[in-house]
Amino acid sequence: MVLWFPAAEFFMESPDTVAVPIIDQGQLIPVEEESYNHSARVCVIGPDNKLYVSLGQRFNVPGPENYPMYDEVGIGGIIRFNRFPGKLDREVVAIGVRNSVGHAFNPKDGKLWFTDNQVDGMGEETPPGELNKAPRLGADVWYGFPYYGGGGVRTNEYAGQPIPKKYADNYVKPQVEMIAHAADLGMMFYTGRMFPKKYHGAIFSAQHGSWNAVKPRGARVMVTYLDDKGNAVKTEPFADGWMTDAGVYLGRPVDVQQYVDGSILVSDDKAGVVYRISYSN
């Protein structure tokens, strides 16, 4: 379900916080599709003032019997609808997404970007994680899953099978291929002025770190720089230190958000804290 907390900032110290359902349980996805797997429902308000929600699917790789229902509902994709109670006007705006746990709109051109966690069990260093840019919004725009496990790597389950024309003709490759199994989660566009100019308009994203890789990785914040056309040109680590040289996780970054003064907030669900990263000359 999706809840709306009107005027939440006025109820922070009160037990009487108001929560209004926008979509009740069982309406967001069918009850039989509910699972502990890929259950994050990331929400963001778009430039059209509608609410965008990612719907991860419950399998590592779903079988063909799950389609076309998944595409019609938006499971393994992103949907949008009116952000206030009333008429939903629900629409599917992206399909072929395995499990996106972070998305944001570029304030310069209004384009939707999102991270995507890719398939497990294919190898220690494959397939890559993804940072995607939507060239347009629609139920026909396909981002590769389940035929691709990440980047251009075909999944074992669908290897050798021809990709249906309706998918192949509308396939969008990722803008950035991240290190495999780093678990790229929350992301945001930097619009502040505290950091140097090279960071203005860049994407900051959190890598939570793998849950099962033999060689630990991730546990850092990445930065992706864009060119004048709004495409990714370079990705590099921005902040790390959440993992020891021996590969022990000290923290697990989850999300990155800009604070009111232009600094950056990073949430950590292992340490149970929020860090503030600031810059001064």
C-alpha atoms as a PDB file:
ATOM      1  CA  MET A   1       0.000   0.000   0.000  1.00  0.00           C
ATOM      2  CA  VAL A   2       0.973   3.655  -0.303  1.00  0.00           C
ATOM      3  CA  LEU A   3       0.357   6.084   2.570  1.00  0.00           C
ATOM      4  CA  TRP A   4       0.211   9.874   2.537  1.00  0.00           C
ATOM      5  CA  PHE A   5       1.292  11.728   5.684  1.00  0.00           C
ATOM      6  CA  PRO A   6      -0.191  15.232   5.308  1.00  0.00           C
ATOM      7  CA  ALA A   7       1.645  17.968   7.221  1.00  0.00           C
ATOM      8  CA  ALA A   8       3.954  15.328   8.696  1.00  0.00           C
ATOM      9  CA  GLU A   9       6.451  17.965   9.840  1.00  0.00           C
ATOM     10  CA  PHE A  10       3.862  19.313  12.291  1.00  0.00           C
ATOM     11  CA  PHE A  11       3.355  15.922  13.952  1.00  0.00           C
ATOM     12  CA  MET A  12       6.943  14.801  14.521  1.00  0.00           C
ATOM     13  CA  GLU A  13       6.608  14.855  18.311  1.00  0.00           C
ATOM     14  CA  SER A  14       3.043  13.619  18.482  1.00  0.00           C
ATOM     15  CA  PRO A  15       1.633  10.072  18.543  1.00  0.00           C
ATOM     16  CA  ASP A  16      -1.349  11.307  16.514  1.00  0.00           C
ATOM     17  CA  THR A  17       0.310  11.435  13.102  1.00  0.00           C
ATOM     18  CA  VAL A  18      -2.275  11.261  10.335  1.00  0.00           C
ATOM     19  CA  ALA A  19      -1.766   8.646   7.626  1.00  0.00           C
ATOM     20  CA  VAL A  20      -4.113   8.529   4.636  1.00  0.00           C
ATOM     21  CA  PRO A  21      -4.024   5.544   2.238  1.00  0.00           C
ATOM     22  CA  ILE A  22      -3.561   6.489  -1.407  1.00  0.00           C
ATOM     23  CA  ILE A  23      -3.602   2.845  -2.520  1.00  0.00           C
ATOM     24  CA  ASP A  24      -4.794   0.138  -0.136  1.00  0.00           C
ATOM     25  CA  GLN A  25      -3.039  -3.177   0.349  1.00  0.00           C
ATOM     26  CA  GLY A  26      -3.945  -5.557  -2.459  1.00  0.00           C
ATOM     27  CA  GLN A  27      -4.432  -2.725  -4.949  1.00  0.00           C
ATOM     28  CA  LEU A  28      -0.810  -1.763  -5.491  1.00  0.00           C
ATOM     29  CA  ILE A  29       0.054  -5.312  -6.553  1.00  0.00           C
ATOM     30  CA  PRO A  30      -2.067  -8.497  -6.401  1.00  0.00           C
ATOM     31  CA  VAL A  31      -2.039 -10.097  -2.952  1.00  0.00           C
ATOM     32  CA  GLU A  32      -0.538 -13.303  -4.336  1.00  0.00           C
ATOM     33  CA  GLU A  33       2.477 -11.293  -5.527  1.00  0.00           C
ATOM     34  CA  GLU A  34       3.302  -9.991  -2.053  1.00  0.00           C
ATOM     35  CA  SER A  35       6.672 -11.223  -0.787  1.00  0.00           C
ATOM     36  CA  TYR A  36       9.623 -10.398   1.437  1.00  0.00           C
ATOM     37  CA  ASN A  37      11.756 -10.335  -1.699  1.00  0.00           C
ATOM     38  CA  HIS A  38      12.308  -6.986  -3.393  1.00  0.00           C
ATOM     39  CA  SER A  39       9.576  -5.367  -1.336  1.00  0.00           C
ATOM     40  CA  ALA A  40      10.897  -1.779  -1.335  1.00  0.00           C
ATOM     41  CA  ARG A  41       8.406   0.696  -2.812  1.00  0.00           C
ATOM     42  CA  VAL A  42      10.394   3.812  -3.554  1.00  0.00           C
ATOM     43  CA  CYS A  43       8.275   6.924  -4.130  1.00  0.00           C
ATOM     44  CA  VAL A  44       9.102  10.262  -5.719  1.00  0.00           C
ATOM     45  CA  ILE A  45       6.960  13.178  -6.887  1.00  0.00           C
ATOM     46  CA  GLY A  46       7.528  13.929 -10.559  1.00  0.00           C
ATOM     47  CA  PRO A  47       7.516  17.277 -12.368  1.00  0.00           C
ATOM     48  CA  ASP A  48       3.916  16.503 -13.381  1.00  0.00           C
ATOM     49  CA  ASN A  49       2.996  16.467  -9.647  1.00  0.00           C
ATOM     50  CA  LYS A  50       2.195  12.752  -9.824  1.00  0.00           C
ATOM     51  CA  LEU A  51       3.613  10.046  -7.574  1.00  0.00           C
ATOM     52  CA  TYR A  52       6.059   7.572  -9.123  1.00  0.00           C
ATOM     53  CA  VAL A  53       6.496   4.189  -7.396  1.00  0.00           C
ATOM     54  CA  SER A  54       8.849   1.333  -8.279  1.00  0.00           C
ATOM     55  CA  LEU A  55       7.481  -2.216  -8.009  1.00  0.00           C
ATOM     56  CA  GLY A  56      10.164  -4.851  -7.573  1.00  0.00           C
ATOM     57  CA  GLN A  57       9.109  -8.398  -8.436  1.00  0.00           C
ATOM     58  CA  ARG A  58       9.448 -11.342  -6.037  1.00  0.00           C
ATOM     59  CA  PHE A  59      11.762 -13.650  -7.991  1.00  0.00           C
ATOM     60  CA  ASN A  60      15.444 -13.698  -8.788  1.00  0.00           C
ATOM     61  CA  VAL A  61      14.299 -14.252 -12.382  1.00  0.00           C
ATOM     62  CA  PRO A  62      10.548 -14.711 -13.002  1.00  0.00           C
ATOM     63  CA  GLY A  63       9.301 -17.308 -15.434  1.00  0.00           C
ATOM     64  CA  PRO A  64       7.440 -16.468 -18.648  1.00  0.00           C
ATOM     65  CA  GLU A  65       4.127 -17.462 -17.019  1.00  0.00           C
ATOM     66  CA  ASN A  66       4.283 -14.194 -15.058  1.00  0.00           C
ATOM     67  CA  TYR A  67       3.987 -12.145 -18.239  1.00  0.00           C
ATOM     68  CA  PRO A  68       2.148 -10.205 -19.626  1.00  0.00           C
ATOM     69  CA  MET A  69       0.466  -9.636 -16.230  1.00  0.00           C
ATOM     70  CA  TYR A  70       3.655  -8.120 -14.769  1.00  0.00           C
ATOM     71  CA  ASP A  71       3.880  -5.612 -17.610  1.00  0.00           C
ATOM     72  CA  GLU A  72       0.205  -4.699 -17.321  1.00  0.00           C
ATOM     73  CA  VAL A  73       0.361  -4.114 -13.536  1.00  0.00           C
ATOM     74  CA  GLY A  74       3.830  -2.588 -13.541  1.00  0.00           C
ATOM     75  CA  ILE A  75       5.469  -5.313 -11.443  1.00  0.00           C
ATOM     76  CA  GLY A  76       9.134  -5.288 -12.343  1.00  0.00           C
ATOM     77  CA  GLY A  77       8.710  -1.696 -13.419  1.00  0.00           C
ATOM     78  CA  ILE A  78       7.657   1.794 -12.345  1.00  0.00           C
ATOM     79  CA  ILE A  79       4.130   3.185 -12.161  1.00  0.00           C
ATOM     80  CA  ARG A  80       2.657   6.630 -11.573  1.00  0.00           C
ATOM     81  CA  PHE A  81      -0.659   7.910 -10.271  1.00  0.00           C
ATOM     82  CA  ASN A  82      -2.284  10.924  -8.645  1.00  0.00           C
ATOM     83  CA  ARG A  83      -0.607  11.741  -5.338  1.00  0.00           C
ATOM     84  CA  PHE A  84      -3.773  12.654  -3.427  1.00  0.00           C
ATOM     85  CA  PRO A  85      -6.771  10.477  -2.497  1.00  0.00           C
ATOM     86  CA  GLY A  86      -9.406  10.182  -5.191  1.00  0.00           C
ATOM     87  CA  LYS A  87      -9.136   9.112  -8.802  1.00  0.00           C
ATOM     88  CA  LEU A  88      -5.854   7.201  -9.229  1.00  0.00           C
ATOM     89  CA  ASP A  89      -5.238   7.470 -12.984  1.00  0.00           C
ATOM     90  CA  ARG A  90      -2.677   4.707 -12.613  1.00  0.00           C
ATOM     91  CA  GLU A  91      -0.191   4.272 -15.461  1.00  0.00           C
ATOM     92  CA  VAL A  92       2.814   2.028 -16.110  1.00  0.00           C
ATOM     93  CA  VAL A  93       5.796   4.157 -17.174  1.00  0.00           C
ATOM     94  CA  ALA A  94       8.605   1.561 -17.298  1.00  0.00           C
ATOM     95  CA  ILE A  95       8.891  -2.222 -17.647  1.00  0.00           C
ATOM     96  CA  GLY A  96      11.801  -4.656 -17.656  1.00  0.00           C
ATOM     97  CA  VAL A  97      13.112  -3.391 -14.319  1.00  0.00           C
ATOM     98  CA  ARG A  98      14.211  -6.073 -11.844  1.00  0.00           C
ATOM     99  CA  ASN A  99      14.283  -4.145  -8.568  1.00  0.00           C
ATOM    100  CA  SER A 100      14.728  -0.379  -8.488  1.00  0.00           C
ATOM    101  CA  VAL A 101      15.328   1.066  -5.017  1.00  0.00           C
ATOM    102  CA  GLY A 102      16.114   4.605  -6.091  1.00  0.00           C
ATOM    103  CA  HIS A 103      14.822   7.017  -8.682  1.00  0.00           C
ATOM    104  CA  ALA A 104      14.806  10.763  -9.276  1.00  0.00           C
ATOM    105  CA  PHE A 105      14.029  13.339 -11.952  1.00  0.00           C
ATOM    106  CA  ASN A 106      16.743  15.480 -13.466  1.00  0.00           C
ATOM    107  CA  PRO A 107      15.628  19.053 -12.674  1.00  0.00           C
ATOM    108  CA  LYS A 108      17.295  20.341 -15.859  1.00  0.00           C
ATOM    109  CA  ASP A 109      15.350  18.305 -18.414  1.00  0.00           C
ATOM    110  CA  GLY A 110      12.726  16.406 -16.372  1.00  0.00           C
ATOM    111  CA  LYS A 111      14.071  12.972 -17.344  1.00  0.00           C
ATOM    112  CA  LEU A 112      13.524  10.058 -14.950  1.00  0.00           C
ATOM    113  CA  TRP A 113      16.612   8.160 -13.764  1.00  0.00           C
ATOM    114  CA  PHE A 114      16.697   5.040 -11.598  1.00  0.00           C
ATOM    115  CA  THR A 115      19.038   2.439 -10.146  1.00  0.00           C
ATOM    116  CA  ASP A 116      18.364  -1.247 -10.700  1.00  0.00           C
ATOM    117  CA  ASN A 117      19.626  -4.239  -8.710  1.00  0.00           C
ATOM    118  CA  GLN A 118      20.453  -7.135 -10.997  1.00  0.00           C
ATOM    119  CA  VAL A 119      20.369 -10.935 -11.014  1.00  0.00           C
ATOM    120  CA  ASP A 120      22.041 -13.096  -8.350  1.00  0.00           C
ATOM    121  CA  GLY A 121      23.702 -16.457  -8.903  1.00  0.00           C
ATOM    122  CA  MET A 122      25.299 -15.731 -12.279  1.00  0.00           C
ATOM    123  CA  GLY A 123      28.834 -15.176 -11.022  1.00  0.00           C
ATOM    124  CA  GLU A 124      30.920 -13.194  -8.601  1.00  0.00           C
ATOM    125  CA  GLU A 125      31.600 -10.343 -11.020  1.00  0.00           C
ATOM    126  CA  THR A 126      28.535 -10.477 -13.260  1.00  0.00           C
ATOM    127  CA  PRO A 127      26.037  -9.102 -14.164  1.00  0.00           C
ATOM    128  CA  PRO A 128      26.585  -5.383 -13.595  1.00  0.00           C
ATOM    129  CA  GLY A 129      24.247  -3.184 -11.620  1.00  0.00           C
ATOM    130  CA  GLU A 130      22.560  -0.384 -13.501  1.00  0.00           C
ATOM    131  CA  LEU A 131      21.895   3.334 -13.484  1.00  0.00           C
ATOM    132  CA  ASN A 132      19.202   4.023 -16.084  1.00  0.00           C
ATOM    133  CA  LYS A 133      17.756   7.042 -17.847  1.00  0.00           C
ATOM    134  CA  ALA A 134      14.247   6.959 -19.298  1.00  0.00           C
ATOM    135  CA  PRO A 135      14.194   8.524 -22.776  1.00  0.00           C
ATOM    136  CA  ARG A 136      10.424   8.685 -22.431  1.00  0.00           C
ATOM    137  CA  LEU A 137       7.758   7.354 -20.076  1.00  0.00           C
ATOM    138  CA  GLY A 138       5.450   4.562 -21.124  1.00  0.00           C
ATOM    139  CA  ALA A 139       4.451   0.917 -20.753  1.00  0.00           C
ATOM    140  CA  ASP A 140       6.332   0.090 -23.942  1.00  0.00           C
ATOM    141  CA  VAL A 141       9.752   1.296 -22.752  1.00  0.00           C
ATOM    142  CA  TRP A 142      11.711  -1.846 -21.775  1.00  0.00           C
ATOM    143  CA  TYR A 143      14.906  -1.953 -19.703  1.00  0.00           C
ATOM    144  CA  GLY A 144      15.991  -5.526 -20.343  1.00  0.00           C
ATOM    145  CA  PHE A 145      14.742  -7.773 -17.547  1.00  0.00           C
ATOM    146  CA  PRO A 146      14.212 -10.771 -17.449  1.00  0.00           C
ATOM    147  CA  TYR A 147      16.002 -11.489 -20.756  1.00  0.00           C
ATOM    148  CA  TYR A 148      19.006  -9.484 -19.582  1.00  0.00           C
ATOM    149  CA  GLY A 149      20.342  -9.972 -16.071  1.00  0.00           C
ATOM    150  CA  GLY A 150      22.140  -6.637 -16.036  1.00  0.00           C
ATOM    151  CA  GLY A 151      23.731  -4.616 -18.816  1.00  0.00           C
ATOM    152  CA  GLY A 152      24.041  -6.798 -21.912  1.00  0.00           C
ATOM    153  CA  VAL A 153      24.387 -10.081 -19.965  1.00  0.00           C
ATOM    154  CA  ARG A 154      21.654 -12.579 -20.819  1.00  0.00           C
ATOM    155  CA  THR A 155      20.082 -14.482 -17.922  1.00  0.00           C
ATOM    156  CA  ASN A 156      20.585 -18.242 -17.701  1.00  0.00           C
ATOM    157  CA  GLU A 157      16.821 -18.761 -17.654  1.00  0.00           C
ATOM    158  CA  TYR A 158      16.289 -16.950 -20.963  1.00  0.00           C
ATOM    159  CA  ALA A 159      19.639 -17.599 -22.648  1.00  0.00           C
ATOM    160  CA  GLY A 160      19.269 -18.458 -26.296  1.00  0.00           C
ATOM    161  CA  GLN A 161      15.622 -17.451 -26.399  1.00  0.00           C
ATOM    162  CA  PRO A 162      14.711 -14.778 -28.933  1.00  0.00           C
ATOM    163  CA  ILE A 163      13.693 -11.486 -27.366  1.00  0.00           C
ATOM    164  CA  PRO A 164      10.115 -10.595 -28.349  1.00  0.00           C
ATOM    165  CA  LYS A 165       9.976  -7.804 -30.904  1.00  0.00           C
ATOM    166  CA  LYS A 166       7.823  -5.607 -28.650  1.00  0.00           C
ATOM    167  CA  TYR A 167      10.717  -5.621 -26.166  1.00  0.00           C
ATOM    168  CA  ALA A 168      13.675  -5.558 -28.544  1.00  0.00           C
ATOM    169  CA  ASP A 169      12.329  -2.586 -30.485  1.00  0.00           C
ATOM    170  CA  ASN A 170      12.001  -0.536 -27.289  1.00  0.00           C
ATOM    171  CA  TYR A 171      15.090  -1.660 -25.371  1.00  0.00           C
ATOM    172  CA  VAL A 172      16.946   1.026 -23.415  1.00  0.00           C
ATOM    173  CA  LYS A 173      20.500   0.232 -22.364  1.00  0.00           C
ATOM    174  CA  PRO A 174      21.734   1.466 -18.970  1.00  0.00           C
ATOM    175  CA  GLN A 175      23.577   4.757 -18.855  1.00  0.00           C
ATOM    176  CA  VAL A 176      26.052   3.306 -16.349  1.00  0.00           C
ATOM    177  CA  GLU A 177      27.060  -0.275 -15.569  1.00  0.00           C
ATOM    178  CA  MET A 178      28.065  -0.466 -11.915  1.00  0.00           C
ATOM    179  CA  ILE A 179      30.230  -3.122 -10.262  1.00  0.00           C
ATOM    180  CA  ALA A 180      28.325  -6.396  -9.948  1.00  0.00           C
ATOM    181  CA  HIS A 181      26.321  -7.035  -6.776  1.00  0.00           C
ATOM    182  CA  ALA A 182      27.190  -3.718  -5.120  1.00  0.00           C
ATOM    183  CA  ALA A 183      23.447  -3.130  -4.574  1.00  0.00           C
ATOM    184  CA  ASP A 184      22.934   0.365  -5.952  1.00  0.00           C
ATOM    185  CA  LEU A 185      20.032   1.870  -3.999  1.00  0.00           C
ATOM    186  CA  GLY A 186      19.009   5.472  -3.359  1.00  0.00           C
ATOM    187  CA  MET A 187      20.001   8.336  -5.668  1.00  0.00           C
ATOM    188  CA  MET A 188      19.472  12.050  -6.164  1.00  0.00           C
ATOM    189  CA  PHE A 189      20.497  15.005  -8.337  1.00  0.00           C
ATOM    190  CA  TYR A 190      22.618  17.628  -6.650  1.00  0.00           C
ATOM    191  CA  THR A 191      21.093  21.106  -6.968  1.00  0.00           C
ATOM    192  CA  GLY A 192      22.947  22.788  -4.096  1.00  0.00           C
ATOM    193  CA  ARG A 193      25.825  25.242  -4.157  1.00  0.00           C
ATOM    194  CA  MET A 194      27.871  24.092  -1.157  1.00  0.00           C
ATOM    195  CA  PHE A 195      29.973  21.654  -3.191  1.00  0.00           C
ATOM    196  CA  PRO A 196      32.368  22.694  -6.002  1.00  0.00           C
ATOM    197  CA  LYS A 197      30.943  23.407  -9.437  1.00  0.00           C
ATOM    198  CA  LYS A 198      31.904  20.010 -10.877  1.00  0.00           C
ATOM    199  CA  TYR A 199      29.248  18.414  -8.651  1.00  0.00           C
ATOM    200  CA  HIS A 200      26.440  20.743  -9.735  1.00  0.00           C
ATOM    201  CA  GLY A 201      23.799  18.675 -11.509  1.00  0.00           C
ATOM    202  CA  ALA A 202      25.600  15.394 -10.797  1.00  0.00           C
ATOM    203  CA  ILE A 203      23.942  12.221  -9.531  1.00  0.00           C
ATOM    204  CA  PHE A 204      24.847  10.893  -6.089  1.00  0.00           C
ATOM    205  CA  SER A 205      23.916   7.259  -5.414  1.00  0.00           C
ATOM    206  CA  ALA A 206      24.377   4.795  -2.564  1.00  0.00           C
ATOM    207  CA  GLN A 207      25.901   1.339  -2.875  1.00  0.00           C
ATOM    208  CA  HIS A 208      24.634  -0.781  -0.014  1.00  0.00           C
ATOM    209  CA  GLY A 209      27.061  -3.656  -0.586  1.00  0.00           C
ATOM    210  CA  SER A 210      26.477  -7.280  -1.530  1.00  0.00           C
ATOM    211  CA  TRP A 211      24.555  -9.693   0.669  1.00  0.00           C
ATOM    212  CA  ASN A 212      26.286 -12.803  -0.721  1.00  0.00           C
ATOM    213  CA  ALA A 213      29.404 -11.955  -2.746  1.00  0.00           C
ATOM    214  CA  VAL A 214      32.556 -13.794  -1.634  1.00  0.00           C
ATOM    215  CA  LYS A 215      34.551 -10.597  -2.125  1.00  0.00           C
ATOM    216  CA  PRO A 216      32.742  -7.754  -0.324  1.00  0.00           C
ATOM    217  CA  ARG A 217      32.109  -4.643  -2.384  1.00  0.00           C
ATOM    218  CA  GLY A 218      30.069  -1.466  -2.351  1.00  0.00           C
ATOM    219  CA  ALA A 219      29.423   0.300   0.966  1.00  0.00           C
ATOM    220  CA  ARG A 220      30.120   3.691  -0.584  1.00  0.00           C
ATOM    221  CA  VAL A 221      28.536   6.702  -2.241  1.00  0.00           C
ATOM    222  CA  MET A 222      29.079   7.117  -5.979  1.00  0.00           C
ATOM    223  CA  VAL A 223      28.907  10.265  -8.087  1.00  0.00           C
ATOM    224  CA  THR A 224      27.948  10.299 -11.774  1.00  0.00           C
ATOM    225  CA  TYR A 225      28.691  13.343 -13.904  1.00  0.00           C
ATOM    226  CA  LEU A 226      26.476  14.301 -16.849  1.00  0.00           C
ATOM    227  CA  ASP A 227      27.260  16.081 -20.093  1.00  0.00           C
ATOM    228  CA  ASP A 228      25.378  19.006 -21.628  1.00  0.00           C
ATOM    229  CA  LYS A 229      22.885  16.603 -23.204  1.00  0.00           C
ATOM    230  CA  GLY A 230      22.043  15.055 -19.852  1.00  0.00           C
ATOM    231  CA  ASN A 231      23.855  11.750 -20.399  1.00  0.00           C
ATOM    232  CA  ALA A 232      26.313  10.045 -18.051  1.00  0.00           C
ATOM    233  CA  VAL A 233      29.984  10.547 -18.892  1.00  0.00           C
ATOM    234  CA  LYS A 234      31.834   9.346 -15.773  1.00  0.00           C
ATOM    235  CA  THR A 235      31.092   7.539 -12.512  1.00  0.00           C
ATOM    236  CA  GLU A 236      33.491   7.373  -9.565  1.00  0.00           C
ATOM    237  CA  PRO A 237      33.462   6.863  -5.772  1.00  0.00           C
ATOM    238  CA  PHE A 238      32.592   9.996  -3.816  1.00  0.00           C
ATOM    239  CA  ALA A 239      32.657   8.724  -0.229  1.00  0.00           C
ATOM    240  CA  ASP A 240      33.737   5.417   1.287  1.00  0.00           C
ATOM    241  CA  GLY A 241      35.220   4.113   4.527  1.00  0.00           C
ATOM    242  CA  TRP A 242      32.273   1.922   5.468  1.00  0.00           C
ATOM    243  CA  MET A 243      34.302  -1.246   4.858  1.00  0.00           C
ATOM    244  CA  THR A 244      37.614  -2.324   6.394  1.00  0.00           C
ATOM    245  CA  ASP A 245      40.595  -3.552   4.369  1.00  0.00           C
ATOM    246  CA  ALA A 246      39.649  -7.048   5.533  1.00  0.00           C
ATOM    247  CA  GLY A 247      36.223  -6.701   3.916  1.00  0.00           C
ATOM    248  CA  VAL A 248      34.184  -6.185   7.084  1.00  0.00           C
ATOM    249  CA  TYR A 249      31.202  -3.856   6.677  1.00  0.00           C
ATOM    250  CA  LEU A 250      31.153  -1.040   9.214  1.00  0.00           C
ATOM    251  CA  GLY A 251      28.154   0.556   7.558  1.00  0.00           C
ATOM    252  CA  ARG A 252      25.678   0.061   4.733  1.00  0.00           C
ATOM    253  CA  PRO A 253      24.666   3.220   2.845  1.00  0.00           C
ATOM    254  CA  VAL A 254      21.029   3.117   1.742  1.00  0.00           C
ATOM    255  CA  ASP A 255      19.972   6.527   0.462  1.00  0.00           C
ATOM    256  CA  VAL A 256      21.445   9.897  -0.429  1.00  0.00           C
ATOM    257  CA  GLN A 257      19.504  13.144  -0.114  1.00  0.00           C
ATOM    258  CA  GLN A 258      20.374  16.824  -0.244  1.00  0.00           C
ATOM    259  CA  TYR A 259      19.913  18.843   2.926  1.00  0.00           C
ATOM    260  CA  VAL A 260      18.548  22.397   2.963  1.00  0.00           C
ATOM    261  CA  ASP A 261      22.030  23.957   3.232  1.00  0.00           C
ATOM    262  CA  GLY A 262      23.417  22.049   0.236  1.00  0.00           C
ATOM    263  CA  SER A 263      25.176  19.362   2.238  1.00  0.00           C
ATOM    264  CA  ILE A 264      24.419  15.672   1.611  1.00  0.00           C
ATOM    265  CA  LEU A 265      22.713  13.245   3.969  1.00  0.00           C
ATOM    266  CA  VAL A 266      23.523   9.522   3.776  1.00  0.00           C
ATOM    267  CA  SER A 267      21.447   6.940   5.635  1.00  0.00           C
ATOM    268  CA  ASP A 268      23.078   3.764   6.991  1.00  0.00           C
ATOM    269  CA  ASP A 269      20.847   0.856   8.018  1.00  0.00           C
ATOM    270  CA  LYS A 270      23.667  -1.162   9.612  1.00  0.00           C
ATOM    271  CA  ALA A 271      24.845   1.524  12.029  1.00  0.00           C
ATOM    272  CA  GLY A 272      21.338   2.990  12.266  1.00  0.00           C
ATOM    273  CA  VAL A 273      22.511   6.533  11.641  1.00  0.00           C
ATOM    274  CA  VAL A 274      22.359   9.374   9.118  1.00  0.00           C
ATOM    275  CA  TYR A 275      25.620  11.062   8.116  1.00  0.00           C
ATOM    276  CA  ARG A 276      25.960  14.643   6.904  1.00  0.00           C
ATOM    277  CA  ILE A 277      28.693  15.336   4.340  1.00  0.00           C
ATOM    278  CA  SER A 278      29.574  19.003   3.943  1.00  0.00           C
ATOM    279  CA  TYR A 279      32.221  21.004   2.067  1.00  0.00           C
ATOM    280  CA  SER A 280      34.268  24.036   3.045  1.00  0.00           C
ATOM    281  CA  ASN A 281      37.240  25.779   1.422  1.00  0.00           C
END
